[in-house]
Protein backbone atom coordinates (compact mmCIF):
# COMPACT_ATOMS: atom_id res chain seq x y z
CA MET A 1 9.88 14.33 -11.47
CA ALA A 2 6.71 12.24 -11.73
CA ARG A 3 6.95 8.68 -10.48
CA VAL A 4 6.29 5.84 -12.93
CA ALA A 5 3.36 3.51 -12.24
CA VAL A 6 2.50 0.26 -14.01
CA VAL A 7 -1.05 -1.10 -13.89
CA SER A 8 -1.54 -4.65 -15.12
CA GLY A 9 -4.86 -5.17 -16.83
CA GLY A 10 -4.92 -1.39 -16.90
CA SER A 11 -6.95 -0.63 -20.02
CA ARG A 12 -10.37 -1.98 -19.00
CA GLY A 13 -12.71 -2.09 -16.01
CA ILE A 14 -11.24 -1.45 -12.59
CA GLY A 15 -7.74 -1.34 -14.08
CA ALA A 16 -8.70 1.44 -16.47
CA ALA A 17 -10.15 3.48 -13.61
CA ILE A 18 -6.93 2.97 -11.63
CA SER A 19 -4.80 4.02 -14.61
CA LYS A 20 -6.89 7.15 -15.11
CA GLY A 21 -6.86 7.96 -11.40
CA LEU A 22 -3.09 7.71 -11.18
CA HIS A 23 -2.66 9.72 -14.36
CA ALA A 24 -4.92 12.47 -12.99
CA ALA A 25 -2.88 12.48 -9.78
CA GLY A 26 0.27 13.29 -11.75
CA TYR A 27 1.94 9.91 -12.14
CA LYS A 28 3.46 8.63 -15.39
CA VAL A 29 1.32 5.57 -16.06
CA ALA A 30 1.80 2.50 -18.23
CA ALA A 31 -1.20 0.20 -18.67
CA THR A 32 -0.66 -3.43 -19.64
CA TYR A 33 -3.18 -5.66 -21.35
CA ALA A 34 -3.30 -9.21 -22.64
CA GLY A 35 -5.44 -9.51 -25.74
CA ASN A 36 -8.07 -6.90 -26.51
CA ASP A 37 -6.21 -4.70 -28.97
CA GLU A 38 -9.26 -2.62 -29.87
CA ALA A 39 -10.09 -1.75 -26.26
CA ALA A 40 -6.44 -0.92 -25.55
CA ALA A 41 -6.20 1.34 -28.62
CA ASN A 42 -9.40 3.14 -27.63
CA PHE A 43 -8.14 3.55 -24.08
CA LYS A 44 -4.85 5.02 -25.28
CA ALA A 45 -6.61 7.39 -27.67
CA GLU A 46 -9.00 8.53 -24.94
CA THR A 47 -6.48 9.02 -22.15
CA GLY A 48 -3.05 9.43 -23.74
CA ILE A 49 -1.78 6.70 -21.41
CA PRO A 50 0.66 4.33 -23.15
CA VAL A 51 -0.33 0.67 -23.34
CA TYR A 52 1.88 -2.40 -23.43
CA LYS A 53 0.82 -5.90 -24.41
CA TRP A 54 2.05 -9.00 -22.64
CA ASP A 55 0.85 -12.08 -20.77
CA VAL A 56 1.24 -11.60 -17.02
CA SER A 57 1.29 -15.37 -16.51
CA ASN A 58 4.58 -15.54 -18.45
CA TYR A 59 7.65 -14.47 -16.46
CA LYS A 60 9.84 -13.80 -19.50
CA GLU A 61 7.22 -11.57 -21.11
CA CYS A 62 6.79 -9.66 -17.85
CA ALA A 63 10.53 -9.12 -17.41
CA GLU A 64 10.93 -7.94 -21.00
CA GLY A 65 7.82 -5.77 -20.90
CA LEU A 66 8.75 -4.10 -17.64
CA LYS A 67 12.24 -3.38 -18.96
CA LYS A 68 10.65 -1.72 -22.01
CA VAL A 69 8.45 0.43 -19.75
CA GLY A 70 11.49 1.40 -17.71
CA ASP A 71 13.42 2.33 -20.84
CA ASP A 72 10.50 4.38 -22.15
CA LEU A 73 9.28 6.12 -19.01
CA GLY A 74 11.89 5.72 -16.28
CA PRO A 75 12.36 3.54 -13.19
CA ILE A 76 9.18 1.80 -12.07
CA GLU A 77 8.37 2.82 -8.50
CA ILE A 78 4.67 1.98 -8.34
CA LEU A 79 3.17 -1.36 -9.33
CA ILE A 80 -0.53 -2.21 -9.36
CA ASN A 81 -1.14 -5.94 -9.82
CA ASN A 82 -4.69 -5.85 -11.12
CA ALA A 83 -4.91 -8.32 -14.01
CA GLY A 84 -7.19 -11.26 -13.37
CA ILE A 85 -9.51 -13.80 -14.98
CA THR A 86 -12.29 -16.16 -13.94
CA ARG A 87 -13.01 -19.71 -15.07
CA ASP A 88 -15.97 -20.48 -12.83
CA THR A 89 -17.32 -23.97 -12.25
CA MET A 90 -17.93 -26.32 -9.34
CA PHE A 91 -14.71 -27.95 -8.21
CA HIS A 92 -15.85 -31.51 -8.96
CA LYS A 93 -16.29 -30.44 -12.60
CA MET A 94 -13.18 -28.23 -12.82
CA THR A 95 -10.51 -29.11 -15.39
CA PRO A 96 -6.79 -28.76 -14.77
CA GLU A 97 -6.78 -26.01 -17.43
CA GLN A 98 -9.46 -24.03 -15.57
CA TRP A 99 -7.49 -24.35 -12.34
CA PHE A 100 -4.03 -23.47 -13.67
CA ASP A 101 -5.19 -20.69 -16.03
CA VAL A 102 -6.65 -18.81 -13.07
CA ILE A 103 -3.81 -19.54 -10.64
CA ASN A 104 -1.20 -18.55 -13.22
CA THR A 105 -2.92 -15.29 -14.18
CA ASN A 106 -4.22 -14.17 -10.79
CA LEU A 107 -1.52 -15.39 -8.39
CA ASN A 108 1.67 -16.39 -10.19
CA SER A 109 1.50 -13.08 -12.05
CA LEU A 110 2.28 -11.30 -8.77
CA PHE A 111 5.67 -12.99 -8.77
CA ASN A 112 6.13 -12.41 -12.51
CA MET A 113 5.35 -8.70 -12.29
CA THR A 114 6.94 -7.90 -8.93
CA ARG A 115 10.19 -9.82 -9.06
CA PRO A 116 11.67 -7.81 -11.98
CA VAL A 117 11.06 -4.46 -10.23
CA ILE A 118 11.56 -5.17 -6.53
CA GLU A 119 15.36 -4.95 -6.54
CA GLY A 120 15.27 -1.52 -8.16
CA MET A 121 12.74 -0.33 -5.61
CA ARG A 122 14.97 -1.59 -2.79
CA GLU A 123 18.03 0.11 -4.23
CA ARG A 124 16.20 3.44 -4.60
CA GLY A 125 14.62 3.18 -1.14
CA PHE A 126 11.07 3.70 -2.38
CA GLY A 127 8.25 1.59 -3.76
CA ARG A 128 4.49 1.21 -3.71
CA ILE A 129 2.88 -2.12 -4.58
CA VAL A 130 -0.88 -2.63 -4.50
CA ASN A 131 -2.39 -6.03 -5.24
CA ILE A 132 -6.04 -6.15 -6.30
CA SER A 133 -7.54 -9.16 -4.56
CA SER A 134 -11.30 -9.71 -4.08
CA ILE A 135 -14.03 -10.05 -1.50
CA ASN A 136 -14.16 -13.70 -2.55
CA GLY A 137 -10.53 -14.13 -1.57
CA GLN A 138 -11.63 -13.12 1.94
CA LYS A 139 -14.85 -15.12 2.32
CA GLY A 140 -14.82 -17.76 -0.41
CA GLN A 141 -17.44 -18.29 -3.12
CA MET A 142 -19.17 -21.39 -4.40
CA GLY A 143 -18.14 -22.22 -7.94
CA GLN A 144 -14.92 -20.22 -7.66
CA THR A 145 -12.47 -22.47 -5.84
CA ASN A 146 -9.73 -21.58 -8.32
CA TYR A 147 -10.47 -17.84 -8.21
CA THR A 148 -10.84 -17.61 -4.43
CA ALA A 149 -7.66 -19.62 -3.90
CA SER A 150 -5.76 -17.24 -6.16
CA LYS A 151 -7.18 -14.12 -4.52
CA ALA A 152 -6.56 -15.42 -1.00
CA GLY A 153 -3.01 -16.14 -2.13
CA ASP A 154 -2.70 -12.51 -3.24
CA ILE A 155 -3.41 -11.43 0.34
CA GLY A 156 -0.78 -13.78 1.78
CA PHE A 157 1.74 -12.58 -0.79
CA THR A 158 0.97 -9.00 0.23
CA LYS A 159 1.57 -9.58 3.94
CA SER A 160 4.85 -11.42 3.49
CA LEU A 161 6.28 -9.03 0.91
CA ALA A 162 5.31 -6.08 3.10
CA GLN A 163 7.32 -7.50 6.00
CA GLU A 164 10.34 -8.21 3.85
CA ASN A 165 10.54 -4.74 2.30
CA ALA A 166 9.26 -2.31 4.94
CA GLY A 167 12.79 -1.40 5.93
CA LYS A 168 13.55 -0.34 2.35
CA GLY A 169 10.79 2.24 2.06
CA ILE A 170 8.49 -0.07 0.13
CA THR A 171 4.85 -0.53 1.10
CA VAL A 172 2.74 -3.46 -0.08
CA ASN A 173 -1.02 -3.48 0.37
CA ALA A 174 -4.06 -5.33 -0.95
CA VAL A 175 -7.44 -3.99 -2.02
CA CYS A 176 -10.46 -6.29 -2.05
CA PRO A 177 -13.33 -5.03 -4.22
CA GLY A 178 -16.82 -6.43 -3.90
CA TYR A 179 -19.41 -6.16 -6.66
CA ILE A 180 -18.21 -3.33 -8.90
CA ALA A 181 -20.10 -1.94 -11.91
CA THR A 182 -17.75 -3.23 -14.58
CA ASP A 183 -18.95 -4.48 -17.96
CA MET A 184 -18.83 -8.06 -16.66
CA VAL A 185 -21.05 -7.36 -13.65
CA LYS A 186 -23.42 -5.08 -15.57
CA ALA A 187 -23.95 -7.91 -18.06
CA VAL A 188 -25.74 -9.88 -15.32
CA PRO A 189 -29.52 -9.73 -15.91
CA LYS A 190 -31.15 -6.84 -14.04
CA GLU A 191 -33.55 -9.11 -12.17
CA VAL A 192 -30.65 -11.25 -10.93
CA LEU A 193 -28.78 -8.18 -9.70
CA GLU A 194 -31.84 -6.78 -7.95
CA LYS A 195 -32.98 -10.05 -6.34
CA SER A 196 -29.75 -11.93 -5.66
CA VAL A 197 -26.86 -9.46 -5.53
CA LEU A 198 -27.95 -6.06 -4.21
CA PRO A 199 -29.75 -7.49 -1.14
CA LEU A 200 -26.36 -8.82 0.02
CA ILE A 201 -24.84 -5.32 -0.01
CA PRO A 202 -25.84 -3.05 2.90
CA LEU A 203 -25.38 0.04 0.70
CA ARG A 204 -27.83 -1.52 -1.80
CA ARG A 205 -25.81 -0.62 -4.88
CA LEU A 206 -22.85 -1.69 -6.93
CA GLY A 207 -19.53 0.01 -6.38
CA GLU A 208 -17.99 2.16 -9.09
CA PRO A 209 -14.55 1.42 -10.56
CA GLU A 210 -13.51 4.95 -9.59
CA GLU A 211 -14.19 4.15 -5.93
CA VAL A 212 -11.61 1.38 -6.08
CA ALA A 213 -9.22 3.64 -7.95
CA ARG A 214 -9.38 6.31 -5.24
CA VAL A 215 -8.27 3.76 -2.66
CA VAL A 216 -5.30 2.81 -4.83
CA VAL A 217 -4.30 6.44 -5.41
CA PHE A 218 -4.41 6.96 -1.63
CA LEU A 219 -2.23 3.93 -0.93
CA VAL A 220 0.53 4.87 -3.38
CA ALA A 221 0.85 8.46 -2.15
CA GLU A 222 3.98 9.65 -0.40
CA GLU A 223 1.82 10.48 2.62
CA SER A 224 0.64 6.86 2.96
CA GLY A 225 4.07 5.49 3.77
CA PHE A 226 3.05 4.16 7.21
CA ILE A 227 0.40 1.84 5.74
CA THR A 228 1.75 -1.54 4.71
CA GLY A 229 0.62 -5.15 4.87
CA SER A 230 -2.99 -3.96 5.00
CA THR A 231 -6.07 -5.29 3.25
CA LEU A 232 -8.65 -2.62 2.41
CA SER A 233 -12.17 -3.75 1.57
CA VAL A 234 -14.26 -1.83 -0.97
CA ASN A 235 -17.48 -3.80 -0.89
CA GLY A 236 -20.33 -1.62 0.39
CA GLY A 237 -20.37 -3.47 3.69
CA GLN A 238 -21.07 -6.89 2.16
CA TYR A 239 -18.27 -8.53 4.12
CA MET A 240 -16.71 -6.95 7.18
CA ILE A 241 -13.53 -8.09 8.90
């Protein structure tokens, strides 16, 4: 029987590529989204993957939504925490709203999404959790104190949760993408990409969402059960640790 996977922010960008990759690999996938109904409807029509709408920064909505997925598709054994936002500005100009919106969506959502499913994973003796962090959570980025703090927190969450649950057959890993050719990145003016972004990347190109997705599909596989607490970088060599 196919295992059930939930991908937060799973109908657009990197999340959509992850949802498609898992679906192609034979998993039963549910993609969550927050607000873009049109994009979610188009994604569902294109892929046949069911979509569910809720706010990952709200614990009650996550608990109720995950229960609905479980009722519809079966026990959730794979969780991809991908949803994230940016509210970029220099810290001395940052508002409390800009800080807490990002922390709540990018970091607190890991608790909100993982807590309702972790006990079931422990009881069944199997689970795969992958948290999508960022290169900027590893190295920092000017104008993104809120974002980098949240993404660095994702990595710490990953390491601790991996230690707590390794004995129960649950692996927890983080993936840190660099500059990926999503709609947001491709909206950057071409001259800015060519002069300011690509020279920083040894491979001299943007990554593709599918390249991130392949890493996630690898990590959730049965055969990857000895990999936990790891942080995998998908950044074209821009930052090496």
